[in-house]
């Protein structure tokens, strides 16, 4: 008989094995073993009997964004050889249990068409929208089916927390856990303990949020009241595009800015690492109206010059003293709509916060820990002309000399090719 390794489950998570719950809120600070324990629980259930597990996140652009890797690592750790792991699924070859992976945002029809889910696991559920919850809940409709939400609270009104903990739902299981569980079971490395102690002593507000799972105040959220729309309105006028450079560590971010009905529409075009300037130029030249003005990060003058040499109308954003905060304030004052498909714009906006000091007071700076590639790009493009009147196209009225210079450069480059 095969000598199987024991799968460890902290006693605090034992209620997951009860049968009398429909939805579970499993929340708390970092290193509370939430994801690892729920993944172990699901593998155990998938070995006991045929079980279809749907693994969901609000934002999942690829399988790399899912819980696939964690499940794969646990399968290898415990030598669960009956599971066959492919690039985008996991199958139990003995009883037919399977794991599927899907994003919820802008994926309503695909989620609705998912059949036969026994257990749904929604990871990073602090970012899940009310609409996604309303789509997923009736989709998981088998008799005795269950939905597990694991999350670190983001702000006070996270929809999943309001639904399951503050308002409550019938047959709801609530498990609130923190890093003390990992200490109790000796499942936390010393390097993490040192980080926790340092945060507790020197950054108590960060400690409360990061390690004790307390939500950020809504006051910390930089951009609020952005409206989601299905698509760019047909009557909207393309004014400009933004470009924030990245490469190996950070993503390059490109988006289009439209003027519509006395407000602005943001539409994501690109969010990708390891894009060379030549690849960026090829991508931009393939977009509709490739001669549209592109406002790029002025910290990359060589990259801007190279993109100009490929025939693109790229200009550096205008920067000056306190330009970041001034740009943020300007964007805050604008009516902003964002297309539903703009996954990474929404993801950044949800997680874009002000920095706070150790006493919890807001510092008038963006938190450097927040991903801000699209947020910076929106600031670049709007800071350069949102104050203007809009009777005519922006590129017809502003930077005429610069644009003429760019066109002259393009003509000379093309002539020499």
Protein backbone atom coordinates (compact mmCIF):
# COMPACT_ATOMS: atom_id res chain seq x y z
CA UNK A 1 0.00 0.00 0.00
CA UNK A 2 1.21 3.49 -0.87
CA UNK A 3 2.58 5.36 2.16
CA UNK A 4 0.80 8.73 1.83
CA UNK A 5 2.01 11.85 3.60
CA UNK A 6 -0.29 13.48 6.14
CA UNK A 7 -2.00 16.67 4.97
CA UNK A 8 -1.94 19.16 7.85
CA UNK A 9 -5.07 21.21 8.60
CA UNK A 10 -5.06 23.62 11.60
CA UNK A 11 -7.91 22.87 14.01
CA UNK A 12 -9.26 26.41 13.53
CA UNK A 13 -10.22 25.41 9.96
CA UNK A 14 -12.00 22.21 10.97
CA UNK A 15 -15.49 23.75 10.41
CA UNK A 16 -14.78 23.67 6.67
CA UNK A 17 -15.43 19.92 6.85
CA UNK A 18 -18.91 20.43 8.32
CA UNK A 19 -21.84 19.95 5.95
CA UNK A 20 -24.26 22.57 7.24
CA UNK A 21 -22.93 25.69 5.50
CA UNK A 22 -23.48 27.17 2.05
CA UNK A 23 -21.04 30.12 1.94
CA UNK A 24 -17.84 30.62 3.93
CA UNK A 25 -16.00 33.87 4.68
CA UNK A 26 -12.39 33.02 5.55
CA UNK A 27 -10.59 36.27 6.23
CA UNK A 28 -7.79 37.88 8.19
CA UNK A 29 -4.26 39.20 7.86
CA UNK A 30 -1.34 37.86 5.93
CA UNK A 31 0.29 34.56 6.87
CA UNK A 32 -2.88 33.24 8.49
CA UNK A 33 -2.64 30.15 6.26
CA UNK A 34 -5.96 30.90 4.53
CA UNK A 35 -5.05 30.01 0.95
CA UNK A 36 -2.81 27.06 1.82
CA UNK A 37 -5.40 25.54 4.15
CA UNK A 38 -8.35 25.96 1.79
CA UNK A 39 -6.26 24.47 -1.03
CA UNK A 40 -5.46 21.46 1.19
CA UNK A 41 -9.15 21.13 2.09
CA UNK A 42 -10.12 21.10 -1.59
CA UNK A 43 -7.53 18.47 -2.47
CA UNK A 44 -8.82 16.26 0.36
CA UNK A 45 -12.42 16.64 -0.89
CA UNK A 46 -11.30 15.91 -4.45
CA UNK A 47 -9.71 12.65 -3.25
CA UNK A 48 -12.71 11.53 -1.19
CA UNK A 49 -15.22 11.55 -4.05
CA UNK A 50 -15.81 13.03 -7.49
CA UNK A 51 -15.86 16.79 -6.97
CA UNK A 52 -15.82 19.67 -9.42
CA UNK A 53 -13.96 22.65 -7.97
CA UNK A 54 -14.22 26.08 -9.56
CA UNK A 55 -11.29 28.32 -8.64
CA UNK A 56 -12.14 31.97 -9.26
CA UNK A 57 -10.59 35.41 -8.88
CA UNK A 58 -12.02 38.75 -9.84
CA UNK A 59 -9.02 39.53 -12.03
CA UNK A 60 -7.41 36.63 -13.88
CA UNK A 61 -5.73 37.44 -17.17
CA UNK A 62 -3.90 34.12 -17.34
CA UNK A 63 -3.52 30.85 -15.47
CA UNK A 64 -0.48 32.40 -13.76
CA UNK A 65 -2.86 34.76 -11.92
CA UNK A 66 -4.87 31.84 -10.47
CA UNK A 67 -4.47 29.38 -7.59
CA UNK A 68 -3.27 26.72 -10.06
CA UNK A 69 0.38 27.04 -8.99
CA UNK A 70 -0.42 26.68 -5.27
CA UNK A 71 -2.48 23.54 -5.86
CA UNK A 72 0.27 22.11 -8.07
CA UNK A 73 2.89 22.72 -5.37
CA UNK A 74 0.74 20.99 -2.73
CA UNK A 75 0.10 18.03 -5.04
CA UNK A 76 3.85 17.64 -5.46
CA UNK A 77 4.56 18.18 -1.75
CA UNK A 78 2.15 15.47 -0.63
CA UNK A 79 2.90 13.21 -3.60
CA UNK A 80 -0.75 13.00 -4.65
CA UNK A 81 0.05 11.07 -7.78
CA UNK A 82 -3.56 10.43 -8.76
CA UNK A 83 -3.81 14.08 -9.84
CA UNK A 84 -2.83 14.98 -13.38
CA UNK A 85 -1.74 18.61 -13.64
CA UNK A 86 -1.90 20.28 -17.04
CA UNK A 87 -1.15 23.88 -17.96
CA UNK A 88 -4.71 25.04 -17.25
CA UNK A 89 -6.51 22.30 -15.30
CA UNK A 90 -6.11 19.61 -12.64
CA UNK A 91 -7.77 16.18 -12.89
CA UNK A 92 -8.03 13.28 -10.45
CA UNK A 93 -7.47 10.26 -12.70
CA UNK A 94 -9.04 7.84 -10.20
CA UNK A 95 -12.43 9.42 -9.49
CA UNK A 96 -12.82 12.18 -12.09
CA UNK A 97 -12.57 15.16 -9.73
CA UNK A 98 -11.40 18.28 -11.55
CA UNK A 99 -10.34 21.87 -10.91
CA UNK A 100 -11.15 24.69 -13.33
CA UNK A 101 -9.84 28.26 -13.19
CA UNK A 102 -11.65 31.42 -14.30
CA UNK A 103 -11.68 35.16 -13.77
CA UNK A 104 -14.96 36.83 -12.81
CA UNK A 105 -14.43 40.37 -14.07
CA UNK A 106 -15.80 40.94 -17.60
CA UNK A 107 -16.43 37.21 -17.93
CA UNK A 108 -20.10 36.94 -17.07
CA UNK A 109 -21.21 34.59 -19.85
CA UNK A 110 -18.31 32.18 -19.37
CA UNK A 111 -18.95 31.99 -15.63
CA UNK A 112 -22.69 31.48 -16.12
CA UNK A 113 -22.03 28.60 -18.53
CA UNK A 114 -19.88 26.72 -16.01
CA UNK A 115 -21.82 23.60 -15.06
CA UNK A 116 -21.76 21.21 -12.14
CA UNK A 117 -19.63 23.05 -9.59
CA UNK A 118 -19.61 21.37 -6.18
CA UNK A 119 -17.29 23.84 -4.46
CA UNK A 120 -16.34 27.32 -5.67
CA UNK A 121 -13.25 28.93 -4.21
CA UNK A 122 -12.91 32.69 -4.68
CA UNK A 123 -9.39 33.80 -3.81
CA UNK A 124 -8.47 37.46 -3.11
CA UNK A 125 -12.18 38.07 -2.65
CA UNK A 126 -11.63 41.57 -1.24
CA UNK A 127 -11.56 42.76 -4.87
CA UNK A 128 -14.72 40.94 -5.98
CA UNK A 129 -17.48 43.26 -7.17
CA UNK A 130 -21.13 43.04 -6.18
CA UNK A 131 -21.97 42.17 -9.78
CA UNK A 132 -19.53 39.22 -9.76
CA UNK A 133 -21.05 37.89 -6.55
CA UNK A 134 -24.51 38.10 -8.09
CA UNK A 135 -23.32 36.21 -11.17
CA UNK A 136 -21.42 33.50 -9.30
CA UNK A 137 -23.93 32.69 -6.54
CA UNK A 138 -26.74 31.31 -8.76
CA UNK A 139 -24.16 29.62 -11.02
CA UNK A 140 -23.06 27.41 -8.11
CA UNK A 141 -26.48 25.82 -7.81
CA UNK A 142 -25.99 22.07 -7.31
CA UNK A 143 -27.63 20.55 -4.27
CA UNK A 144 -25.25 20.91 -1.29
CA UNK A 145 -22.82 23.04 -3.32
CA UNK A 146 -20.61 25.50 -1.46
CA UNK A 147 -18.75 28.79 -2.04
CA UNK A 148 -15.61 29.72 -0.10
CA UNK A 149 -14.31 33.29 -0.12
CA UNK A 150 -10.76 33.88 1.17
CA UNK A 151 -9.62 37.45 1.59
CA UNK A 152 -7.67 40.16 3.38
CA UNK A 153 -10.04 43.08 3.86
CA UNK A 154 -9.33 46.06 1.61
CA UNK A 155 -11.77 48.81 2.70
CA UNK A 156 -14.79 48.90 5.03
CA UNK A 157 -17.34 48.28 2.30
CA UNK A 158 -15.78 45.29 0.53
CA UNK A 159 -18.89 43.68 -1.02
CA UNK A 160 -18.09 40.12 0.06
CA UNK A 161 -17.50 41.14 3.69
CA UNK A 162 -20.66 43.25 3.79
CA UNK A 163 -22.65 40.33 2.35
CA UNK A 164 -21.39 37.50 4.54
CA UNK A 165 -20.22 39.09 7.79
CA UNK A 166 -21.95 42.44 8.26
CA UNK A 167 -25.34 41.61 6.72
CA UNK A 168 -25.09 37.82 6.99
CA UNK A 169 -26.62 35.13 4.81
CA UNK A 170 -28.35 31.85 5.73
CA UNK A 171 -25.98 28.98 6.52
CA UNK A 172 -22.83 31.10 6.47
CA UNK A 173 -19.55 29.95 7.99
CA UNK A 174 -17.23 32.71 9.24
CA UNK A 175 -13.57 32.01 10.04
CA UNK A 176 -11.45 34.99 11.12
CA UNK A 177 -7.77 34.11 11.44
CA UNK A 178 -4.41 35.86 11.72
CA UNK A 179 -0.70 35.03 11.82
CA UNK A 180 -0.87 33.72 15.40
CA UNK A 181 -2.17 30.47 13.91
CA UNK A 182 1.02 30.08 11.89
CA UNK A 183 3.05 30.71 15.05
CA UNK A 184 0.97 28.16 16.99
CA UNK A 185 1.65 25.41 14.46
CA UNK A 186 5.24 26.47 13.77
CA UNK A 187 4.44 27.15 10.15
CA UNK A 188 6.00 30.62 9.90
CA UNK A 189 9.64 31.36 9.01
CA UNK A 190 11.80 33.62 11.15
CA UNK A 191 12.18 36.18 8.36
CA UNK A 192 8.39 36.76 8.38
CA UNK A 193 8.29 37.01 12.17
CA UNK A 194 10.99 39.69 12.06
CA UNK A 195 8.99 41.62 9.46
CA UNK A 196 5.84 41.40 11.61
CA UNK A 197 7.64 42.63 14.72
CA UNK A 198 9.25 45.49 12.82
CA UNK A 199 5.91 46.59 11.35
CA UNK A 200 4.24 46.35 14.76
CA UNK A 201 6.88 48.57 16.37
CA UNK A 202 7.54 51.09 13.60
CA UNK A 203 4.45 51.03 11.35
CA UNK A 204 1.46 50.19 13.56
CA UNK A 205 -1.12 51.27 11.01
CA UNK A 206 0.43 49.04 8.35
CA UNK A 207 0.65 46.26 10.93
CA UNK A 208 -3.08 46.52 11.64
CA UNK A 209 -3.97 46.24 7.96
CA UNK A 210 -1.30 43.85 6.73
CA UNK A 211 -1.03 41.39 9.60
CA UNK A 212 -4.32 41.76 11.52
CA UNK A 213 -6.53 42.13 8.46
CA UNK A 214 -8.10 45.45 9.44
CA UNK A 215 -9.59 47.33 6.46
CA UNK A 216 -8.19 50.56 5.11
CA UNK A 217 -10.36 53.62 5.59
CA UNK A 218 -12.23 54.76 2.52
CA UNK A 219 -10.45 58.08 3.02
CA UNK A 220 -7.23 56.35 1.96
CA UNK A 221 -8.63 55.45 -1.45
CA UNK A 222 -7.24 57.94 -3.96
CA UNK A 223 -9.73 57.58 -6.80
CA UNK A 224 -13.39 56.92 -6.02
CA UNK A 225 -16.72 57.07 -7.83
CA UNK A 226 -15.38 55.85 -11.16
CA UNK A 227 -18.21 54.44 -13.25
CA UNK A 228 -18.07 51.17 -15.17
CA UNK A 229 -19.48 51.08 -18.71
CA UNK A 230 -19.78 48.16 -21.10
CA UNK A 231 -17.84 49.71 -23.98
CA UNK A 232 -16.57 52.97 -25.44
CA UNK A 233 -19.64 54.89 -26.69
CA UNK A 234 -19.80 55.20 -30.47
CA UNK A 235 -20.03 58.99 -30.19
CA UNK A 236 -16.96 59.27 -27.93
CA UNK A 237 -14.00 61.20 -29.34
CA UNK A 238 -10.52 59.70 -29.07
CA UNK A 239 -8.31 62.47 -27.70
CA UNK A 240 -5.02 60.84 -26.77
CA UNK A 241 -3.29 57.75 -25.41
CA UNK A 242 -1.03 57.29 -22.41
CA UNK A 243 2.11 55.21 -22.07
CA UNK A 244 3.88 54.24 -18.85
CA UNK A 245 7.11 52.38 -19.57
CA UNK A 246 8.07 49.12 -17.88
CA UNK A 247 10.05 46.02 -18.70
CA UNK A 248 11.19 43.11 -16.53
CA UNK A 249 9.74 44.08 -13.13
CA UNK A 250 6.92 46.45 -14.07
CA UNK A 251 4.34 46.28 -16.82
CA UNK A 252 4.23 48.70 -19.71
CA UNK A 253 0.75 50.25 -19.64
CA UNK A 254 -1.07 51.79 -22.59
CA UNK A 255 -4.60 53.15 -22.60
CA UNK A 256 -6.85 55.35 -24.71
CA UNK A 257 -8.57 58.49 -23.45
CA UNK A 258 -11.91 59.50 -24.94
CA UNK A 259 -13.98 62.62 -24.38
CA UNK A 260 -17.72 61.96 -24.07
CA UNK A 261 -20.68 63.81 -22.62
CA UNK A 262 -18.60 66.29 -20.61
CA UNK A 263 -16.47 63.53 -19.10
CA UNK A 264 -13.71 61.06 -19.85
CA UNK A 265 -13.69 57.40 -20.84
CA UNK A 266 -10.63 55.22 -20.10
CA UNK A 267 -9.99 52.09 -22.15
CA UNK A 268 -7.09 49.71 -21.55
CA UNK A 269 -5.00 48.73 -24.57
CA UNK A 270 -1.93 46.98 -23.10
CA UNK A 271 -0.56 45.80 -19.75
CA UNK A 272 2.45 43.58 -20.28
CA UNK A 273 6.02 43.01 -19.11
CA UNK A 274 9.14 42.64 -21.28
CA UNK A 275 7.95 44.82 -24.14
CA UNK A 276 10.83 46.39 -26.05
CA UNK A 277 10.40 49.82 -27.59
CA UNK A 278 10.18 48.24 -31.03
CA UNK A 279 7.40 45.93 -29.79
CA UNK A 280 5.59 48.88 -28.21
CA UNK A 281 5.84 50.78 -31.49
CA UNK A 282 4.49 47.82 -33.46
CA UNK A 283 1.58 47.50 -31.03
CA UNK A 284 0.77 51.21 -31.09
CA UNK A 285 0.98 51.44 -34.88
CA UNK A 286 -1.52 48.57 -35.13
CA UNK A 287 -4.15 50.39 -33.04
CA UNK A 288 -6.93 52.37 -34.73
CA UNK A 289 -5.84 55.93 -35.52
CA UNK A 290 -2.14 55.28 -34.84
CA UNK A 291 -1.27 58.99 -35.28
CA UNK A 292 -3.25 59.85 -32.14
CA UNK A 293 -1.16 61.80 -29.66
CA UNK A 294 0.57 59.59 -27.05
CA UNK A 295 1.60 61.14 -23.72
CA UNK A 296 4.44 59.15 -22.17
CA UNK A 297 6.50 59.24 -18.99
CA UNK A 298 9.05 62.02 -19.43
CA UNK A 299 11.57 60.04 -17.37
CA UNK A 300 12.27 57.94 -20.50
CA UNK A 301 13.52 60.48 -23.11
CA UNK A 302 15.52 57.87 -25.08
CA UNK A 303 12.51 55.58 -25.31
CA UNK A 304 10.32 58.47 -26.42
CA UNK A 305 12.83 59.43 -29.12
CA UNK A 306 12.96 55.83 -30.35
CA UNK A 307 9.17 55.60 -30.55
CA UNK A 308 9.12 58.89 -32.46
CA UNK A 309 11.58 57.38 -34.94
CA UNK A 310 8.99 54.67 -35.64
CA UNK A 311 6.52 57.33 -36.81
CA UNK A 312 4.54 57.77 -33.60
CA UNK A 313 3.37 61.11 -32.20
CA UNK A 314 4.80 60.62 -28.71
CA UNK A 315 5.41 63.51 -26.35
CA UNK A 316 6.68 63.56 -22.75
CA UNK A 317 4.23 64.42 -20.03
CA UNK A 318 4.64 67.80 -18.37
CA UNK A 319 6.19 67.49 -14.91
CA UNK A 320 7.06 70.04 -12.29
CA UNK A 321 7.04 70.71 -8.58
CA UNK A 322 4.44 68.54 -6.83
CA UNK A 323 3.18 67.38 -10.24
CA UNK A 324 2.13 63.95 -8.91
CA UNK A 325 -0.22 65.35 -6.26
CA UNK A 326 -1.43 68.08 -8.59
CA UNK A 327 -2.18 65.45 -11.22
CA UNK A 328 -4.00 63.26 -8.70
CA UNK A 329 -6.16 66.17 -7.59
CA UNK A 330 -6.97 67.03 -11.19
CA UNK A 331 -8.01 63.46 -11.97
CA UNK A 332 -10.12 63.36 -8.79
CA UNK A 333 -12.07 66.34 -10.10
CA UNK A 334 -12.92 64.71 -13.43
CA UNK A 335 -15.99 62.58 -14.24
CA UNK A 336 -14.36 59.24 -15.14
CA UNK A 337 -15.87 56.17 -16.79
CA UNK A 338 -13.91 52.98 -17.44
CA UNK A 339 -14.77 50.19 -19.84
CA UNK A 340 -15.62 46.85 -18.34
CA UNK A 341 -12.83 45.09 -20.24
CA UNK A 342 -10.14 47.34 -18.70
CA UNK A 343 -9.17 44.73 -16.13
CA UNK A 344 -5.89 46.20 -14.96
CA UNK A 345 -7.18 49.77 -14.77
CA UNK A 346 -9.87 48.52 -12.39
CA UNK A 347 -7.42 46.39 -10.43
CA UNK A 348 -5.04 49.30 -9.91
CA UNK A 349 -7.85 51.72 -9.04
CA UNK A 350 -9.17 49.37 -6.37
CA UNK A 351 -5.74 49.10 -4.74
CA UNK A 352 -4.54 52.70 -5.15
CA UNK A 353 -4.15 54.29 -1.68
CA UNK A 354 -2.58 57.25 0.05
CA UNK A 355 0.48 56.60 2.17
CA UNK A 356 0.02 56.83 5.95
CA UNK A 357 2.54 57.47 8.72
CA UNK A 358 3.10 55.18 11.69
CA UNK A 359 0.27 56.85 13.58
CA UNK A 360 -2.22 56.25 10.80
CA UNK A 361 -2.27 59.84 9.55
CA UNK A 362 -2.59 60.29 5.79
CA UNK A 363 0.54 61.56 4.08
CA UNK A 364 -0.12 63.48 0.90
CA UNK A 365 1.73 60.91 -1.23
CA UNK A 366 0.66 57.83 -3.15
CA UNK A 367 1.62 54.58 -1.40
CA UNK A 368 4.70 53.30 -3.28
CA UNK A 369 3.57 49.72 -2.64
CA UNK A 370 0.57 50.20 -4.93
CA UNK A 371 0.78 49.24 -8.59
CA UNK A 372 0.25 52.52 -10.43
CA UNK A 373 1.20 52.05 -14.09
CA UNK A 374 -2.22 52.90 -15.51
CA UNK A 375 -2.89 55.34 -12.67
CA UNK A 376 0.29 57.24 -13.57
CA UNK A 377 -0.61 57.14 -17.26
CA UNK A 378 -4.07 58.57 -16.66
CA UNK A 379 -2.45 61.31 -14.63
CA UNK A 380 0.05 62.05 -17.44
CA UNK A 381 -2.54 62.43 -20.14
CA UNK A 382 -5.20 64.31 -18.18
CA UNK A 383 -2.72 66.64 -16.49
CA UNK A 384 -1.69 67.97 -19.86
CA UNK A 385 -5.06 69.14 -21.10
CA UNK A 386 -8.02 68.40 -18.83
CA UNK A 387 -8.24 72.08 -17.90
CA UNK A 388 -8.86 73.14 -21.51
CA UNK A 389 -12.07 73.79 -23.40
CA UNK A 390 -13.16 70.89 -25.57
CA UNK A 391 -14.71 72.41 -28.67
CA UNK A 392 -11.92 71.10 -30.89
CA UNK A 393 -9.60 68.15 -30.77
CA UNK A 394 -6.73 68.42 -28.32
CA UNK A 395 -4.02 67.62 -30.84
CA UNK A 396 -5.33 70.46 -33.06
CA UNK A 397 -4.80 73.01 -30.28
CA UNK A 398 -1.94 72.06 -28.04
CA UNK A 399 1.76 71.50 -28.54
CA UNK A 400 1.51 72.52 -32.21
CA UNK A 401 5.21 73.29 -32.32
CA UNK A 402 6.17 70.03 -30.62
CA UNK A 403 3.89 68.01 -32.88
CA UNK A 404 5.30 69.75 -35.95
CA UNK A 405 8.77 68.89 -34.71
CA UNK A 406 7.84 65.26 -34.22
CA UNK A 407 6.40 65.10 -37.73
CA UNK A 408 9.56 66.63 -39.18
CA UNK A 409 11.67 64.06 -37.37
CA UNK A 410 9.45 61.28 -38.70
CA UNK A 411 9.76 62.60 -42.25
CA UNK A 412 13.55 62.75 -42.00
CA UNK A 413 13.76 59.24 -40.52
CA UNK A 414 11.43 57.82 -43.17
CA UNK A 415 13.37 59.57 -45.92
CA UNK A 416 16.56 57.97 -44.71
CA UNK A 417 15.13 54.46 -44.59
